[in-house]
């Protein structure tokens, strides 16, 4: 009984007799007598030799196998990279792996993980773009710095470039920080400062402030950060830091006000969290209180103070003439007539400190006192007196309010009642009274004019009685008025007879 086996050109076979290894069979045709022969073939296009009982075969037939196999054995602290033609295979620790020789070029590189978990640069370039078990690759751009962490512990910084690390039985990660941002968010900043001073010294500027210190960090002349007292922060090298002692003076000098308050919008937005800012317009004045104690008056302009360790208040007062309206006041006059009045007062603040210390609400106080003065002035006068002399009300209110405001540094310049609004029925009655008065005045005037007209007619008659020419002129005047009303006149006879007849008709 002969058994024939054919091994293809791209294959290799292992000959077994009753499951015992006999030899490696290269491509070709083989015949053996007996029925217990067996050949297991392997495709050489798959370079890894997945042979059953490889460990036992290597122990008993190492010399026969080494000729055809590249055997890679890693210890617990080793890993390997195997190049199979253009591809690479990674081998984890404590592994035994074999690869067929000859058909595809193979070579192995073993790495000692106790010495370094980083894969050398020449291998990184060759495995670029490949996904290999147990290996992590990282790309650091030219504007970045990488921080290498193994098991969440910082190991070292990574300059721009390509990196690969063995990530076998442990976590390997890289956190990238932009070098363009001068104050990035450093991970575990305090740990870096305390445990890795060599990294901080090589790459960073460290700012650590005392209790009464504030720092301003600038990069390329631009403010990028403001640090409060007792703070600590890392910046990339190249950042300029100005430390300011605020123990003696909390107010910012004019150069910092121009930079932090009136400068770029992003700078103003950054500094507003740390500054108390007060802008005093022209014709205004401000008062500065620190921890509830008055310090000084503030002239027009922009002012700023550090907000650390103190409470600052800066009320601002308008020194110009101001107007206060007291509208819709319903008051009974002395003769019980309900009235509604509107009052206007003009005032100015002469002493802001006295007004602030004496009054919690300046406008509210003035409004209340003007109400009291208006009610007092109206309530002690009758309606007729009010309507005849409005100025008396203004003078009474003016004298009252000036006395009330003199002790608070407020000067009232003018007070005036704008409107006195009467109820509807009172307005009707007053209208009738005024109508009757005007009717009586009109009647007197009419009688006077009638008397004068009668006297004039009498004088005219006496003149015409003694003067025929005047009488004739009067007749002609009457004739003229009559002629104006006649459309057509037909004359028969002489003009003298016509005039005589017209005069007679007019007399009739």
Protein backbone atom coordinates (compact mmCIF):
# COMPACT_ATOMS: atom_id res chain seq x y z
CA UNK A 1 0.00 0.00 0.00
CA UNK A 2 1.71 3.14 -1.23
CA UNK A 3 0.67 6.70 -0.33
CA UNK A 4 1.65 9.56 -2.58
CA UNK A 5 1.73 13.21 -1.46
CA UNK A 6 2.12 16.32 -3.61
CA UNK A 7 3.51 19.54 -2.09
CA UNK A 8 2.78 22.64 -4.20
CA UNK A 9 5.53 25.16 -5.03
CA UNK A 10 4.09 27.71 -2.56
CA UNK A 11 3.67 25.14 0.20
CA UNK A 12 5.72 23.16 2.65
CA UNK A 13 4.74 19.96 4.41
CA UNK A 14 5.47 18.08 7.61
CA UNK A 15 5.56 14.28 7.37
CA UNK A 16 4.06 12.29 10.27
CA UNK A 17 3.97 8.50 10.83
CA UNK A 18 1.45 7.48 13.43
CA UNK A 19 1.48 11.13 14.62
CA UNK A 20 5.24 11.08 15.06
CA UNK A 21 7.23 13.83 13.33
CA UNK A 22 9.52 12.49 10.65
CA UNK A 23 10.73 15.36 8.48
CA UNK A 24 10.00 18.61 6.63
CA UNK A 25 8.95 18.13 2.99
CA UNK A 26 9.84 20.88 0.48
CA UNK A 27 7.66 21.28 -2.66
CA UNK A 28 7.52 18.09 -4.71
CA UNK A 29 5.94 14.56 -4.97
CA UNK A 30 6.55 11.94 -2.31
CA UNK A 31 5.46 8.24 -2.01
CA UNK A 32 5.59 6.11 1.12
CA UNK A 33 4.65 2.46 1.73
CA UNK A 34 2.09 1.86 4.41
CA UNK A 35 -1.20 3.38 5.45
CA UNK A 36 -0.07 5.27 8.56
CA UNK A 37 1.76 8.05 6.73
CA UNK A 38 0.34 11.52 6.95
CA UNK A 39 1.42 14.92 5.58
CA UNK A 40 0.20 18.32 6.85
CA UNK A 41 0.86 21.13 4.38
CA UNK A 42 1.18 24.89 5.07
CA UNK A 43 0.72 27.84 2.71
CA UNK A 44 3.97 29.82 2.60
CA UNK A 45 2.07 32.97 1.66
CA UNK A 46 1.13 32.98 5.35
CA UNK A 47 4.60 33.26 6.90
CA UNK A 48 3.61 32.44 10.46
CA UNK A 49 3.94 28.71 11.08
CA UNK A 50 0.96 27.69 13.16
CA UNK A 51 2.20 24.18 13.98
CA UNK A 52 0.54 22.04 16.61
CA UNK A 53 2.79 21.02 19.51
CA UNK A 54 5.47 23.43 18.33
CA UNK A 55 7.12 23.50 21.73
CA UNK A 56 7.46 19.71 21.82
CA UNK A 57 8.71 19.52 18.24
CA UNK A 58 11.39 22.12 18.91
CA UNK A 59 12.49 20.24 21.99
CA UNK A 60 12.92 16.92 20.17
CA UNK A 61 13.72 18.00 16.60
CA UNK A 62 15.24 21.42 16.91
CA UNK A 63 18.02 20.81 14.39
CA UNK A 64 15.58 19.65 11.70
CA UNK A 65 13.19 22.55 12.26
CA UNK A 66 15.73 25.41 12.55
CA UNK A 67 16.63 24.95 8.89
CA UNK A 68 13.08 25.81 7.78
CA UNK A 69 11.78 27.95 10.67
CA UNK A 70 12.64 31.28 12.25
CA UNK A 71 11.73 30.75 15.87
CA UNK A 72 10.99 33.79 18.08
CA UNK A 73 10.80 33.21 21.82
CA UNK A 74 10.20 36.16 24.19
CA UNK A 75 10.67 36.26 27.94
CA UNK A 76 8.33 38.05 30.37
CA UNK A 77 10.29 41.29 29.91
CA UNK A 78 10.71 41.04 26.16
CA UNK A 79 8.73 41.80 23.01
CA UNK A 80 9.60 41.37 19.38
CA UNK A 81 8.98 42.78 15.92
CA UNK A 82 9.14 40.36 12.99
CA UNK A 83 9.41 41.59 9.43
CA UNK A 84 7.72 39.30 6.92
CA UNK A 85 8.47 40.80 3.53
CA UNK A 86 6.81 44.22 3.57
CA UNK A 87 4.68 43.52 6.62
CA UNK A 88 5.46 43.47 10.30
CA UNK A 89 4.16 41.28 13.12
CA UNK A 90 4.43 42.09 16.82
CA UNK A 91 5.15 39.40 19.41
CA UNK A 92 4.05 39.96 23.02
CA UNK A 93 6.10 38.84 26.07
CA UNK A 94 6.14 35.14 27.04
CA UNK A 95 5.32 33.98 23.55
CA UNK A 96 6.73 31.30 21.20
CA UNK A 97 6.14 32.03 17.52
CA UNK A 98 7.67 30.45 14.38
CA UNK A 99 7.85 31.75 10.80
CA UNK A 100 8.71 29.87 7.61
CA UNK A 101 12.00 30.72 6.01
CA UNK A 102 12.84 31.03 2.36
CA UNK A 103 9.61 31.79 0.53
CA UNK A 104 9.17 35.28 2.17
CA UNK A 105 12.13 37.02 3.76
CA UNK A 106 11.68 37.17 7.54
CA UNK A 107 13.76 38.72 10.29
CA UNK A 108 13.12 39.21 14.02
CA UNK A 109 14.07 41.99 16.45
CA UNK A 110 13.72 41.40 20.16
CA UNK A 111 13.42 44.32 22.59
CA UNK A 112 14.16 44.41 26.31
CA UNK A 113 11.23 46.18 27.97
CA UNK A 114 13.19 46.71 31.19
CA UNK A 115 15.46 49.08 29.30
CA UNK A 116 12.84 51.00 27.31
CA UNK A 117 9.22 50.78 26.26
CA UNK A 118 9.94 53.01 23.28
CA UNK A 119 10.46 51.49 19.85
CA UNK A 120 13.52 52.92 18.03
CA UNK A 121 12.94 55.54 15.35
CA UNK A 122 14.07 53.32 12.43
CA UNK A 123 11.35 50.80 13.24
CA UNK A 124 8.73 53.53 13.79
CA UNK A 125 9.15 54.70 10.21
CA UNK A 126 8.82 51.14 8.87
CA UNK A 127 5.63 50.28 10.78
CA UNK A 128 3.99 53.63 9.95
CA UNK A 129 0.31 53.17 9.15
CA UNK A 130 0.17 49.57 10.43
CA UNK A 131 -2.03 48.39 13.28
CA UNK A 132 0.02 46.04 15.46
CA UNK A 133 -1.15 44.38 18.64
CA UNK A 134 0.50 45.74 21.74
CA UNK A 135 1.94 48.83 20.03
CA UNK A 136 0.68 52.45 20.21
CA UNK A 137 1.92 55.09 17.79
CA UNK A 138 1.73 58.86 18.25
CA UNK A 139 2.32 61.85 15.98
CA UNK A 140 3.48 65.11 17.60
CA UNK A 141 3.06 68.12 15.29
CA UNK A 142 5.66 70.82 14.95
CA UNK A 143 3.64 73.28 17.10
CA UNK A 144 3.05 70.77 19.91
CA UNK A 145 4.80 69.16 22.86
CA UNK A 146 3.75 65.69 23.96
CA UNK A 147 3.69 64.45 27.54
CA UNK A 148 4.27 60.70 27.80
CA UNK A 149 2.33 58.90 30.55
CA UNK A 150 2.71 55.24 31.51
CA UNK A 151 0.10 53.98 33.95
CA UNK A 152 -0.96 57.64 34.34
CA UNK A 153 2.51 58.59 35.55
CA UNK A 154 4.46 61.25 33.66
CA UNK A 155 7.63 59.86 32.08
CA UNK A 156 9.08 62.55 29.79
CA UNK A 157 8.23 65.20 27.20
CA UNK A 158 8.11 64.35 23.49
CA UNK A 159 9.40 66.80 20.89
CA UNK A 160 7.67 66.98 17.45
CA UNK A 161 8.00 63.71 15.55
CA UNK A 162 6.70 60.12 15.32
CA UNK A 163 6.79 57.76 18.30
CA UNK A 164 5.78 54.18 19.03
CA UNK A 165 5.64 52.41 22.40
CA UNK A 166 4.99 48.92 23.62
CA UNK A 167 1.65 48.98 25.43
CA UNK A 168 1.71 45.44 26.77
CA UNK A 169 -0.01 44.89 30.12
CA UNK A 170 0.09 48.61 30.85
CA UNK A 171 -1.54 51.83 29.68
CA UNK A 172 0.58 54.16 27.57
CA UNK A 173 -0.82 57.56 26.59
CA UNK A 174 0.42 60.88 25.25
CA UNK A 175 -1.20 64.22 26.04
CA UNK A 176 -0.38 66.95 23.54
CA UNK A 177 -0.07 70.62 24.47
CA UNK A 178 0.00 73.44 21.92
CA UNK A 179 3.11 75.61 21.92
CA UNK A 180 1.10 78.36 20.23
CA UNK A 181 -0.93 78.85 23.41
CA UNK A 182 1.47 80.30 26.01
CA UNK A 183 -0.65 79.21 28.98
CA UNK A 184 -2.08 75.79 28.11
CA UNK A 185 -3.96 73.63 30.55
CA UNK A 186 -1.11 71.54 31.95
CA UNK A 187 -2.40 68.19 33.28
CA UNK A 188 -1.80 67.76 37.02
CA UNK A 189 0.15 71.01 37.15
CA UNK A 190 1.10 70.71 40.83
CA UNK A 191 2.48 67.19 40.27
CA UNK A 192 4.64 68.43 37.40
CA UNK A 193 6.00 71.24 39.56
CA UNK A 194 6.71 69.06 42.60
CA UNK A 195 7.82 65.77 41.02
CA UNK A 196 9.35 66.79 37.69
CA UNK A 197 11.37 69.98 38.19
CA UNK A 198 13.67 69.09 35.28
CA UNK A 199 10.76 69.33 32.84
CA UNK A 200 9.59 72.62 34.39
CA UNK A 201 13.10 74.08 34.22
CA UNK A 202 13.58 73.08 30.59
CA UNK A 203 10.23 74.10 29.13
CA UNK A 204 8.27 76.31 31.53
CA UNK A 205 8.12 79.53 33.48
CA UNK A 206 6.67 79.03 36.96
CA UNK A 207 4.84 81.85 38.77
CA UNK A 208 4.23 81.46 42.50
CA UNK A 209 2.71 84.40 44.42
CA UNK A 210 2.57 85.42 48.06
CA UNK A 211 -0.45 86.63 50.00
CA UNK A 212 -0.22 90.29 48.89
CA UNK A 213 0.99 89.79 45.34
CA UNK A 214 -0.73 89.89 41.96
CA UNK A 215 0.88 88.92 38.65
CA UNK A 216 0.23 89.96 35.06
CA UNK A 217 1.51 87.56 32.39
CA UNK A 218 2.21 88.92 28.90
CA UNK A 219 3.14 87.13 25.70
CA UNK A 220 4.48 89.17 22.80
CA UNK A 221 3.34 92.31 24.62
CA UNK A 222 -0.27 91.11 25.07
CA UNK A 223 -1.85 90.30 28.43
CA UNK A 224 -2.74 86.61 28.52
CA UNK A 225 -3.42 86.00 32.22
CA UNK A 226 -3.89 87.69 35.59
CA UNK A 227 -2.95 85.67 38.66
CA UNK A 228 -4.57 86.32 42.07
CA UNK A 229 -2.61 86.19 45.36
CA UNK A 230 -1.34 82.80 46.63
CA UNK A 231 -1.67 81.25 43.17
CA UNK A 232 0.79 79.11 41.23
CA UNK A 233 0.76 78.51 37.49
CA UNK A 234 2.95 77.24 34.66
CA UNK A 235 3.58 79.01 31.35
CA UNK A 236 5.75 78.11 28.38
CA UNK A 237 9.10 79.84 28.25
CA UNK A 238 8.97 83.26 26.61
CA UNK A 239 6.14 84.61 28.78
CA UNK A 240 6.94 87.87 30.62
CA UNK A 241 5.53 88.07 34.15
CA UNK A 242 5.07 91.29 36.17
CA UNK A 243 4.55 90.78 39.92
CA UNK A 244 2.74 93.62 41.72
CA UNK A 245 2.69 94.21 45.49
CA UNK A 246 -0.82 95.31 46.55
CA UNK A 247 -0.19 95.46 50.31
CA UNK A 248 0.18 99.27 50.31
CA UNK A 249 -1.89 100.44 47.34
CA UNK A 250 -4.80 98.61 45.74
CA UNK A 251 -5.39 101.24 43.06
CA UNK A 252 -3.97 100.61 39.61
CA UNK A 253 -1.59 103.19 38.14
CA UNK A 254 -2.69 104.99 35.00
CA UNK A 255 -0.52 102.83 32.70
CA UNK A 256 -2.24 99.64 33.90
CA UNK A 257 -5.68 101.27 33.68
CA UNK A 258 -4.94 102.13 30.05
CA UNK A 259 -3.79 98.56 29.36
CA UNK A 260 -6.26 96.48 31.38
CA UNK A 261 -9.39 98.65 31.29
CA UNK A 262 -9.17 100.83 28.18
CA UNK A 263 -7.07 98.46 26.06
CA UNK A 264 -8.06 95.53 23.87
CA UNK A 265 -11.57 94.10 24.39
CA UNK A 266 -10.23 90.62 25.23
CA UNK A 267 -7.89 92.14 27.82
CA UNK A 268 -10.74 94.10 29.41
CA UNK A 269 -12.88 90.95 29.54
CA UNK A 270 -10.02 89.06 31.21
CA UNK A 271 -9.35 91.72 33.85
CA UNK A 272 -12.94 92.53 34.81
CA UNK A 273 -13.06 89.46 37.11
CA UNK A 274 -10.19 90.84 39.21
CA UNK A 275 -10.81 94.60 39.11
CA UNK A 276 -13.34 97.06 40.48
CA UNK A 277 -13.73 99.62 37.71
CA UNK A 278 -15.32 103.04 38.09
CA UNK A 279 -15.79 105.53 35.26
CA UNK A 280 -16.61 109.09 36.39
CA UNK A 281 -18.08 111.16 33.50
CA UNK A 282 -17.48 114.87 33.03
CA UNK A 283 -19.57 117.05 35.41
CA UNK A 284 -19.74 114.11 37.83
CA UNK A 285 -17.77 113.25 40.95
CA UNK A 286 -17.20 109.90 42.66
CA UNK A 287 -16.61 108.82 46.24
CA UNK A 288 -14.26 105.97 47.16
CA UNK A 289 -15.13 103.68 50.07
CA UNK A 290 -12.80 100.79 51.01
CA UNK A 291 -14.20 98.37 53.59
CA UNK A 292 -17.03 100.85 54.31
CA UNK A 293 -14.58 103.69 55.09
CA UNK A 294 -14.42 106.86 53.00
CA UNK A 295 -11.05 107.42 51.34
CA UNK A 296 -11.19 110.21 48.78
CA UNK A 297 -13.16 111.89 46.02
CA UNK A 298 -12.74 110.67 42.43
CA UNK A 299 -12.31 113.17 39.63
CA UNK A 300 -13.67 112.52 36.09
CA UNK A 301 -11.89 109.64 34.32
CA UNK A 302 -11.43 105.89 34.61
CA UNK A 303 -10.28 104.36 37.90
CA UNK A 304 -9.58 100.72 38.85
CA UNK A 305 -8.66 98.80 42.00
CA UNK A 306 -7.64 95.20 42.70
CA UNK A 307 -10.52 93.27 44.27
CA UNK A 308 -8.39 91.04 46.49
CA UNK A 309 -8.91 91.31 50.24
CA UNK A 310 -11.10 94.42 50.31
CA UNK A 311 -14.63 95.58 49.57
CA UNK A 312 -14.77 98.65 47.32
CA UNK A 313 -17.70 100.98 46.63
CA UNK A 314 -17.59 103.97 44.26
CA UNK A 315 -20.93 105.83 44.08
CA UNK A 316 -21.00 108.54 41.40
CA UNK A 317 -22.97 111.80 41.69
CA UNK A 318 -24.15 114.18 38.98
CA UNK A 319 -23.16 117.77 39.84
CA UNK A 320 -25.32 119.32 37.10
CA UNK A 321 -28.76 120.84 37.51
CA UNK A 322 -31.33 118.06 37.89
CA UNK A 323 -35.11 118.05 37.67
CA UNK A 324 -37.53 116.17 39.90
CA UNK A 325 -41.18 115.75 38.95
CA UNK A 326 -43.87 115.34 41.63
CA UNK A 327 -46.94 114.42 39.60
CA UNK A 328 -50.54 113.50 40.29
CA UNK A 329 -50.83 114.78 43.88
CA UNK A 330 -54.47 114.72 45.07
CA UNK A 331 -54.91 117.41 47.78
CA UNK A 332 -57.90 119.15 49.44
CA UNK A 333 -57.81 122.94 49.57
CA UNK A 334 -58.84 124.84 52.69
CA UNK A 335 -62.40 125.07 51.40
CA UNK A 336 -62.48 121.26 50.80
CA UNK A 337 -62.12 121.37 47.02
CA UNK A 338 -60.24 118.29 45.75
CA UNK A 339 -57.36 119.29 43.48
CA UNK A 340 -54.73 117.42 41.52
CA UNK A 341 -51.38 119.18 41.17
CA UNK A 342 -48.11 118.59 39.29
CA UNK A 343 -44.92 120.08 40.72
CA UNK A 344 -41.44 120.50 39.22
CA UNK A 345 -38.29 121.20 41.24
CA UNK A 346 -34.74 121.90 40.08
CA UNK A 347 -31.83 120.96 42.36
CA UNK A 348 -28.09 120.29 42.33
CA UNK A 349 -25.76 118.40 44.66
CA UNK A 350 -23.14 120.71 46.18
CA UNK A 351 -21.52 118.31 48.66
CA UNK A 352 -21.71 114.65 47.54
CA UNK A 353 -20.05 113.33 50.71
CA UNK A 354 -22.54 115.04 52.98
CA UNK A 355 -25.44 113.87 50.81
CA UNK A 356 -24.18 110.26 50.74
CA UNK A 357 -23.53 110.09 54.47
CA UNK A 358 -26.81 111.78 55.43
CA UNK A 359 -29.27 110.24 52.96
CA UNK A 360 -29.77 106.68 51.84
CA UNK A 361 -31.90 107.80 48.87
CA UNK A 362 -31.43 111.41 47.76
CA UNK A 363 -34.19 111.44 45.15
CA UNK A 364 -36.62 109.65 47.45
CA UNK A 365 -35.97 112.13 50.23
CA UNK A 366 -36.52 115.14 47.96
CA UNK A 367 -39.69 113.64 46.54
CA UNK A 368 -41.12 113.01 50.01
CA UNK A 369 -40.31 116.51 51.31
CA UNK A 370 -41.73 118.16 48.19
CA UNK A 371 -44.93 116.20 48.75
CA UNK A 372 -45.16 117.43 52.34
CA UNK A 373 -44.44 121.04 51.31
CA UNK A 374 -47.03 120.93 48.50
CA UNK A 375 -49.72 119.50 50.78
CA UNK A 376 -49.01 122.11 53.43
CA UNK A 377 -49.06 125.02 50.99
CA UNK A 378 -52.31 123.93 49.28
CA UNK A 379 -54.15 122.81 52.41
CA UNK A 380 -53.95 126.25 54.07
CA UNK A 381 -55.36 128.17 51.09
CA UNK A 382 -58.80 128.40 49.48
CA UNK A 383 -59.38 127.62 45.81
CA UNK A 384 -59.79 131.29 44.94
CA UNK A 385 -56.53 132.19 46.67
CA UNK A 386 -54.72 129.39 44.86
CA UNK A 387 -56.04 130.46 41.48
CA UNK A 388 -55.34 134.18 42.09
CA UNK A 389 -51.71 133.77 43.27
CA UNK A 390 -49.92 130.61 42.21
CA UNK A 391 -46.59 132.21 42.97
CA UNK A 392 -47.38 132.17 46.68
CA UNK A 393 -47.49 128.36 46.60
CA UNK A 394 -44.13 128.20 44.79
CA UNK A 395 -42.52 130.57 47.29
CA UNK A 396 -43.87 128.65 50.28
CA UNK A 397 -42.62 125.32 48.95
CA UNK A 398 -39.26 126.82 47.96
CA UNK A 399 -38.58 128.21 51.44
CA UNK A 400 -39.58 124.93 53.09
CA UNK A 401 -37.50 122.64 50.88
CA UNK A 402 -34.37 124.82 51.03
CA UNK A 403 -34.34 124.57 54.81
CA UNK A 404 -34.78 120.79 54.64
CA UNK A 405 -31.96 120.18 52.14
CA UNK A 406 -29.38 122.69 53.37
CA UNK A 407 -27.92 120.25 55.92
CA UNK A 408 -27.39 117.54 53.26
CA UNK A 409 -25.31 119.50 50.76
CA UNK A 410 -28.21 119.87 48.29
CA UNK A 411 -29.29 123.18 46.79
CA UNK A 412 -32.83 123.62 45.42
CA UNK A 413 -32.76 126.27 42.68
CA UNK A 414 -36.37 126.44 41.64
CA UNK A 415 -39.82 125.10 42.51
CA UNK A 416 -42.93 125.55 40.45
CA UNK A 417 -46.48 124.21 40.25
CA UNK A 418 -47.02 123.26 36.61
CA UNK A 419 -50.68 122.26 36.68
CA UNK A 420 -53.68 122.64 38.95
CA UNK A 421 -56.34 120.21 37.73
CA UNK A 422 -59.92 120.78 38.99
CA UNK A 423 -62.71 118.19 39.23
CA UNK A 424 -65.22 118.22 36.38
CA UNK A 425 -68.10 119.80 38.28
CA UNK A 426 -65.87 122.54 39.67
CA UNK A 427 -64.62 123.31 36.19
CA UNK A 428 -68.27 123.61 35.00
CA UNK A 429 -69.13 126.03 37.79
CA UNK A 430 -66.06 128.16 37.15
CA UNK A 431 -66.84 128.20 33.45
CA UNK A 432 -70.34 129.56 34.20
CA UNK A 433 -68.92 132.20 36.53
CA UNK A 434 -66.42 133.32 33.93
CA UNK A 435 -69.16 133.33 31.27
CA UNK A 436 -71.40 135.52 33.44
CA UNK A 437 -68.57 137.93 34.19
CA UNK A 438 -67.68 138.24 30.53
CA UNK A 439 -71.35 138.68 29.53
CA UNK A 440 -71.70 141.51 32.07
CA UNK A 441 -68.55 143.15 30.77
CA UNK A 442 -69.81 142.81 27.19
CA UNK A 443 -73.16 144.44 28.15
CA UNK A 444 -71.38 147.41 29.74
CA UNK A 445 -69.27 147.87 26.65
CA UNK A 446 -72.37 147.65 24.39
CA UNK A 447 -74.25 150.28 26.39
CA UNK A 448 -71.24 152.56 26.35
CA UNK A 449 -70.95 152.27 22.57
CA UNK A 450 -74.68 152.92 22.03
CA UNK A 451 -74.49 156.04 24.15
CA UNK A 452 -71.50 157.29 22.20
CA UNK A 453 -73.26 156.60 18.88
CA UNK A 454 -76.40 158.50 19.97
CA UNK A 455 -74.33 161.45 21.10
CA UNK A 456 -72.53 161.48 17.74
CA UNK A 457 -75.81 161.44 15.79
CA UNK A 458 -77.12 164.34 17.87
CA UNK A 459 -74.03 166.39 17.14
CA UNK A 460 -74.33 165.61 13.40
CA UNK A 461 -77.98 166.76 13.34
CA UNK A 462 -77.11 170.09 14.95
CA UNK A 463 -74.40 170.69 12.36
CA UNK A 464 -76.73 169.95 9.40
CA UNK A 465 -79.50 172.16 10.85
CA UNK A 466 -77.34 175.24 10.64
CA UNK A 467 -75.46 174.30 7.44
CA UNK A 468 -77.45 173.48 4.21
CA UNK A 469 -74.29 172.40 2.38
CA UNK A 470 -73.59 169.73 5.03
CA UNK A 471 -77.18 168.58 4.71
CA UNK A 472 -76.78 168.36 0.95
CA UNK A 473 -73.59 166.30 1.34
CA UNK A 474 -75.36 163.94 3.70
CA UNK A 475 -78.15 163.54 1.13
CA UNK A 476 -75.60 162.71 -1.55
CA UNK A 477 -73.99 160.12 0.76
CA UNK A 478 -77.37 158.46 1.29
CA UNK A 479 -78.02 158.55 -2.45
CA UNK A 480 -74.70 156.84 -3.07
CA UNK A 481 -75.58 153.98 -0.70
CA UNK A 482 -78.99 153.58 -2.38
CA UNK A 483 -77.43 153.58 -5.84
CA UNK A 484 -75.15 150.73 -4.85
CA UNK A 485 -78.22 148.49 -4.44
CA UNK A 486 -79.87 149.43 -7.79
CA UNK A 487 -78.89 147.46 -10.89
CA UNK A 488 -80.39 149.84 -13.54
CA UNK A 489 -81.44 153.55 -13.39
CA UNK A 490 -83.60 155.15 -16.16
CA UNK A 491 -83.41 158.98 -16.11
CA UNK A 492 -86.44 161.02 -17.32
CA UNK A 493 -86.17 164.77 -16.81
CA UNK A 494 -83.45 166.86 -15.29
CA UNK A 495 -80.92 165.64 -12.73
CA UNK A 496 -82.15 168.14 -10.18
CA UNK A 497 -85.73 166.85 -10.27
CA UNK A 498 -84.48 163.27 -9.98
CA UNK A 499 -82.41 164.09 -6.89
CA UNK A 500 -85.34 165.90 -5.33
CA UNK A 501 -87.69 162.99 -5.89
CA UNK A 502 -85.11 160.44 -4.54
CA UNK A 503 -84.62 162.52 -1.43
CA UNK A 504 -88.37 162.68 -0.91
CA UNK A 505 -88.65 158.91 -1.39
CA UNK A 506 -85.86 158.32 1.08
CA UNK A 507 -87.53 160.59 3.66
CA UNK A 508 -90.85 158.75 3.23
